[in-house]
Amino acid sequence: MPEDSRFTAASVLVEYILGAAGQNAANARVLWPDIDRVEVLDAVSRAWEELDPDDYPFTRAVADQLREHDDREQFLGGIDLVLTGIAALHLPSG
């Protein structure tokens, strides 16, 4: 990786990690103290399924995934996505 890109690449990864950690911590304290996570995700998923498919095709398509997703798996998938993007942009020439 070119030296002038290292800081940007590291910043993106750190910002993703800290942003996800901060969001999860805030959700745990504020949004979920007395509420069952499964019930909330089910309710949101059902609401997404009722959206107009022409106006919200992506949201409707992922409604089931929201209901069943694993936060840790999604977090690790995000790290993989960031690292894959960094690697793809900075493949060694040869």
N, C-alpha and C. Protein backbone atom coordinates (compact mmCIF):
# COMPACT_ATOMS: atom_id res chain seq x y z
N MET A 1 0.85 -1.17 0.00
CA MET A 1 0.00 0.00 0.00
C MET A 1 0.90 1.24 0.00
N PRO A 2 0.60 2.20 -0.86
CA PRO A 2 1.39 3.42 -0.86
C PRO A 2 1.35 4.12 0.50
N GLU A 3 2.47 4.66 0.89
CA GLU A 3 2.59 5.29 2.20
C GLU A 3 1.55 6.39 2.42
N ASP A 4 1.25 7.15 1.36
CA ASP A 4 0.31 8.26 1.52
C ASP A 4 -1.14 7.80 1.67
N SER A 5 -1.41 6.51 1.50
CA SER A 5 -2.77 5.98 1.67
C SER A 5 -2.97 5.28 3.01
N ARG A 6 -1.91 5.01 3.72
CA ARG A 6 -2.01 4.23 4.95
C ARG A 6 -2.87 4.90 6.02
N PHE A 7 -2.69 6.19 6.20
CA PHE A 7 -3.44 6.89 7.24
C PHE A 7 -4.94 6.85 6.92
N THR A 8 -5.30 7.09 5.67
CA THR A 8 -6.71 7.06 5.28
C THR A 8 -7.29 5.67 5.47
N ALA A 9 -6.57 4.65 5.06
CA ALA A 9 -7.06 3.27 5.21
C ALA A 9 -7.25 2.92 6.68
N ALA A 10 -6.28 3.25 7.51
CA ALA A 10 -6.39 2.96 8.94
C ALA A 10 -7.53 3.75 9.57
N SER A 11 -7.70 5.00 9.15
CA SER A 11 -8.78 5.84 9.69
C SER A 11 -10.15 5.26 9.37
N VAL A 12 -10.32 4.79 8.15
CA VAL A 12 -11.61 4.20 7.76
C VAL A 12 -11.92 2.99 8.63
N LEU A 13 -10.94 2.12 8.81
CA LEU A 13 -11.16 0.92 9.62
C LEU A 13 -11.46 1.29 11.08
N VAL A 14 -10.68 2.19 11.65
CA VAL A 14 -10.90 2.60 13.05
C VAL A 14 -12.26 3.28 13.20
N GLU A 15 -12.63 4.13 12.26
CA GLU A 15 -13.93 4.81 12.34
C GLU A 15 -15.08 3.82 12.24
N TYR A 16 -14.95 2.81 11.41
CA TYR A 16 -15.99 1.78 11.33
C TYR A 16 -16.11 1.05 12.67
N ILE A 17 -14.99 0.64 13.22
CA ILE A 17 -15.00 -0.11 14.48
C ILE A 17 -15.56 0.74 15.62
N LEU A 18 -15.06 1.96 15.77
CA LEU A 18 -15.54 2.82 16.85
C LEU A 18 -16.99 3.24 16.65
N GLY A 19 -17.37 3.48 15.40
CA GLY A 19 -18.76 3.86 15.12
C GLY A 19 -19.73 2.75 15.45
N ALA A 20 -19.40 1.53 15.05
CA ALA A 20 -20.27 0.39 15.35
C ALA A 20 -20.32 0.13 16.85
N ALA A 21 -19.17 0.22 17.51
CA ALA A 21 -19.14 0.00 18.96
C ALA A 21 -19.95 1.05 19.69
N GLY A 22 -19.80 2.31 19.28
CA GLY A 22 -20.56 3.39 19.91
C GLY A 22 -22.05 3.25 19.69
N GLN A 23 -22.44 2.88 18.48
CA GLN A 23 -23.86 2.70 18.18
C GLN A 23 -24.44 1.56 19.00
N ASN A 24 -23.73 0.45 19.07
CA ASN A 24 -24.23 -0.69 19.84
C ASN A 24 -24.32 -0.37 21.33
N ALA A 25 -23.34 0.35 21.85
CA ALA A 25 -23.37 0.72 23.27
C ALA A 25 -24.54 1.66 23.55
N ALA A 26 -24.75 2.64 22.68
CA ALA A 26 -25.86 3.58 22.87
C ALA A 26 -27.20 2.86 22.78
N ASN A 27 -27.33 1.97 21.82
CA ASN A 27 -28.58 1.21 21.68
C ASN A 27 -28.86 0.38 22.93
N ALA A 28 -27.83 -0.22 23.48
CA ALA A 28 -28.00 -1.07 24.66
C ALA A 28 -28.47 -0.25 25.86
N ARG A 29 -27.97 0.97 25.99
CA ARG A 29 -28.33 1.81 27.13
C ARG A 29 -29.67 2.51 26.94
N VAL A 30 -29.92 3.04 25.75
CA VAL A 30 -31.07 3.91 25.55
C VAL A 30 -32.26 3.20 24.93
N LEU A 31 -32.04 2.44 23.90
CA LEU A 31 -33.16 1.88 23.14
C LEU A 31 -33.65 0.54 23.66
N TRP A 32 -32.82 -0.23 24.32
CA TRP A 32 -33.16 -1.61 24.64
C TRP A 32 -33.22 -1.94 26.13
N PRO A 33 -33.27 -1.01 27.05
CA PRO A 33 -33.12 -1.42 28.45
C PRO A 33 -34.18 -2.40 28.93
N ASP A 34 -35.42 -2.21 28.57
CA ASP A 34 -36.50 -3.08 29.04
C ASP A 34 -37.26 -3.73 27.89
N ILE A 35 -36.67 -3.73 26.71
CA ILE A 35 -37.35 -4.22 25.52
C ILE A 35 -36.60 -5.42 24.97
N ASP A 36 -37.34 -6.43 24.56
CA ASP A 36 -36.75 -7.62 23.97
C ASP A 36 -36.29 -7.31 22.54
N ARG A 37 -35.01 -7.49 22.27
CA ARG A 37 -34.43 -7.20 20.96
C ARG A 37 -35.16 -7.93 19.85
N VAL A 38 -35.49 -9.20 20.08
CA VAL A 38 -36.18 -10.01 19.06
C VAL A 38 -37.53 -9.39 18.71
N GLU A 39 -38.25 -8.91 19.72
CA GLU A 39 -39.55 -8.29 19.47
C GLU A 39 -39.41 -7.00 18.66
N VAL A 40 -38.40 -6.20 18.99
CA VAL A 40 -38.18 -4.95 18.26
C VAL A 40 -37.83 -5.24 16.80
N LEU A 41 -36.89 -6.15 16.58
CA LEU A 41 -36.49 -6.47 15.21
C LEU A 41 -37.64 -7.06 14.42
N ASP A 42 -38.46 -7.86 15.07
CA ASP A 42 -39.63 -8.43 14.40
C ASP A 42 -40.61 -7.33 14.00
N ALA A 43 -40.86 -6.38 14.89
CA ALA A 43 -41.79 -5.29 14.60
C ALA A 43 -41.27 -4.41 13.47
N VAL A 44 -39.99 -4.08 13.50
CA VAL A 44 -39.41 -3.25 12.45
C VAL A 44 -39.43 -4.01 11.13
N SER A 45 -39.10 -5.28 11.16
CA SER A 45 -39.11 -6.10 9.95
C SER A 45 -40.50 -6.14 9.33
N ARG A 46 -41.52 -6.32 10.16
CA ARG A 46 -42.89 -6.34 9.64
C ARG A 46 -43.27 -4.99 9.03
N ALA A 47 -42.84 -3.90 9.66
CA ALA A 47 -43.12 -2.57 9.12
C ALA A 47 -42.43 -2.39 7.77
N TRP A 48 -41.20 -2.87 7.65
CA TRP A 48 -40.49 -2.78 6.37
C TRP A 48 -41.20 -3.59 5.29
N GLU A 49 -41.74 -4.74 5.66
CA GLU A 49 -42.44 -5.59 4.68
C GLU A 49 -43.70 -4.92 4.15
N GLU A 50 -44.24 -3.97 4.88
CA GLU A 50 -45.46 -3.28 4.47
C GLU A 50 -45.19 -2.04 3.63
N LEU A 51 -43.94 -1.66 3.47
CA LEU A 51 -43.61 -0.49 2.66
C LEU A 51 -43.92 -0.74 1.19
N ASP A 52 -44.13 0.32 0.45
CA ASP A 52 -44.40 0.22 -0.99
C ASP A 52 -43.18 -0.37 -1.69
N PRO A 53 -43.35 -1.49 -2.40
CA PRO A 53 -42.19 -2.14 -3.04
C PRO A 53 -41.55 -1.30 -4.14
N ASP A 54 -42.32 -0.40 -4.76
CA ASP A 54 -41.74 0.45 -5.80
C ASP A 54 -40.89 1.57 -5.20
N ASP A 55 -41.29 2.05 -4.03
CA ASP A 55 -40.55 3.13 -3.39
C ASP A 55 -39.39 2.63 -2.53
N TYR A 56 -39.52 1.42 -2.00
CA TYR A 56 -38.52 0.88 -1.06
C TYR A 56 -38.13 -0.56 -1.41
N PRO A 57 -37.64 -0.79 -2.63
CA PRO A 57 -37.34 -2.18 -3.01
C PRO A 57 -36.24 -2.82 -2.16
N PHE A 58 -35.20 -2.07 -1.84
CA PHE A 58 -34.11 -2.64 -1.04
C PHE A 58 -34.58 -2.95 0.37
N THR A 59 -35.26 -2.00 0.99
CA THR A 59 -35.72 -2.19 2.37
C THR A 59 -36.63 -3.40 2.48
N ARG A 60 -37.52 -3.55 1.51
CA ARG A 60 -38.41 -4.71 1.51
C ARG A 60 -37.62 -6.00 1.32
N ALA A 61 -36.60 -5.95 0.47
CA ALA A 61 -35.82 -7.16 0.17
C ALA A 61 -35.02 -7.65 1.37
N VAL A 62 -34.62 -6.76 2.26
CA VAL A 62 -33.79 -7.17 3.40
C VAL A 62 -34.58 -7.27 4.71
N ALA A 63 -35.88 -7.12 4.66
CA ALA A 63 -36.70 -7.15 5.89
C ALA A 63 -36.51 -8.45 6.66
N ASP A 64 -36.52 -9.57 5.97
CA ASP A 64 -36.33 -10.86 6.65
C ASP A 64 -34.94 -10.97 7.28
N GLN A 65 -33.94 -10.44 6.59
CA GLN A 65 -32.58 -10.50 7.12
C GLN A 65 -32.45 -9.68 8.39
N LEU A 66 -33.16 -8.56 8.48
CA LEU A 66 -33.13 -7.76 9.70
C LEU A 66 -33.62 -8.57 10.88
N ARG A 67 -34.69 -9.29 10.68
CA ARG A 67 -35.32 -10.07 11.75
C ARG A 67 -34.35 -11.12 12.30
N GLU A 68 -33.57 -11.73 11.43
CA GLU A 68 -32.75 -12.89 11.81
C GLU A 68 -31.26 -12.59 11.95
N HIS A 69 -30.84 -11.35 11.76
CA HIS A 69 -29.39 -11.08 11.68
C HIS A 69 -28.70 -11.21 13.03
N ASP A 70 -27.39 -11.45 12.94
CA ASP A 70 -26.51 -11.56 14.10
C ASP A 70 -25.60 -10.33 14.09
N ASP A 71 -25.67 -9.51 15.13
CA ASP A 71 -24.89 -8.27 15.17
C ASP A 71 -23.39 -8.51 15.04
N ARG A 72 -22.89 -9.52 15.71
CA ARG A 72 -21.45 -9.81 15.65
C ARG A 72 -21.04 -10.22 14.24
N GLU A 73 -21.85 -11.06 13.62
CA GLU A 73 -21.56 -11.49 12.25
C GLU A 73 -21.58 -10.28 11.30
N GLN A 74 -22.53 -9.38 11.47
CA GLN A 74 -22.60 -8.19 10.63
C GLN A 74 -21.39 -7.29 10.85
N PHE A 75 -20.98 -7.14 12.10
CA PHE A 75 -19.81 -6.32 12.43
C PHE A 75 -18.56 -6.88 11.76
N LEU A 76 -18.34 -8.18 11.91
CA LEU A 76 -17.17 -8.81 11.31
C LEU A 76 -17.23 -8.75 9.79
N GLY A 77 -18.42 -8.89 9.23
CA GLY A 77 -18.59 -8.75 7.78
C GLY A 77 -18.22 -7.35 7.31
N GLY A 78 -18.54 -6.34 8.11
CA GLY A 78 -18.15 -4.97 7.78
C GLY A 78 -16.65 -4.78 7.78
N ILE A 79 -15.98 -5.37 8.76
CA ILE A 79 -14.52 -5.29 8.79
C ILE A 79 -13.94 -5.97 7.55
N ASP A 80 -14.45 -7.13 7.21
CA ASP A 80 -13.99 -7.82 5.99
C ASP A 80 -14.20 -6.96 4.75
N LEU A 81 -15.35 -6.30 4.68
CA LEU A 81 -15.66 -5.44 3.53
C LEU A 81 -14.66 -4.28 3.43
N VAL A 82 -14.38 -3.64 4.54
CA VAL A 82 -13.41 -2.54 4.55
C VAL A 82 -12.03 -3.04 4.13
N LEU A 83 -11.58 -4.14 4.72
CA LEU A 83 -10.25 -4.67 4.39
C LEU A 83 -10.16 -5.14 2.94
N THR A 84 -11.22 -5.74 2.44
CA THR A 84 -11.24 -6.18 1.04
C THR A 84 -11.17 -4.97 0.11
N GLY A 85 -11.89 -3.91 0.45
CA GLY A 85 -11.84 -2.69 -0.36
C GLY A 85 -10.46 -2.06 -0.36
N ILE A 86 -9.84 -2.01 0.81
CA ILE A 86 -8.49 -1.46 0.90
C ILE A 86 -7.53 -2.29 0.06
N ALA A 87 -7.62 -3.60 0.19
CA ALA A 87 -6.72 -4.48 -0.58
C ALA A 87 -6.95 -4.34 -2.08
N ALA A 88 -8.22 -4.23 -2.49
CA ALA A 88 -8.53 -4.13 -3.92
C ALA A 88 -7.99 -2.84 -4.52
N LEU A 89 -8.01 -1.78 -3.75
CA LEU A 89 -7.51 -0.50 -4.26
C LEU A 89 -5.99 -0.43 -4.28
N HIS A 90 -5.36 -1.28 -3.52
CA HIS A 90 -3.90 -1.18 -3.37
C HIS A 90 -3.21 -2.51 -3.64
N LEU A 91 -3.66 -3.21 -4.67
CA LEU A 91 -3.00 -4.46 -5.05
C LEU A 91 -1.60 -4.15 -5.56
N PRO A 92 -0.63 -4.94 -5.16
CA PRO A 92 0.72 -4.70 -5.68
C PRO A 92 0.77 -4.96 -7.18
N SER A 93 1.45 -4.09 -7.89
CA SER A 93 1.58 -4.31 -9.33
C SER A 93 2.74 -5.26 -9.57
N GLY A 94 2.59 -6.07 -10.57
CA GLY A 94 3.68 -7.00 -10.74
C GLY A 94 3.47 -7.84 -11.87
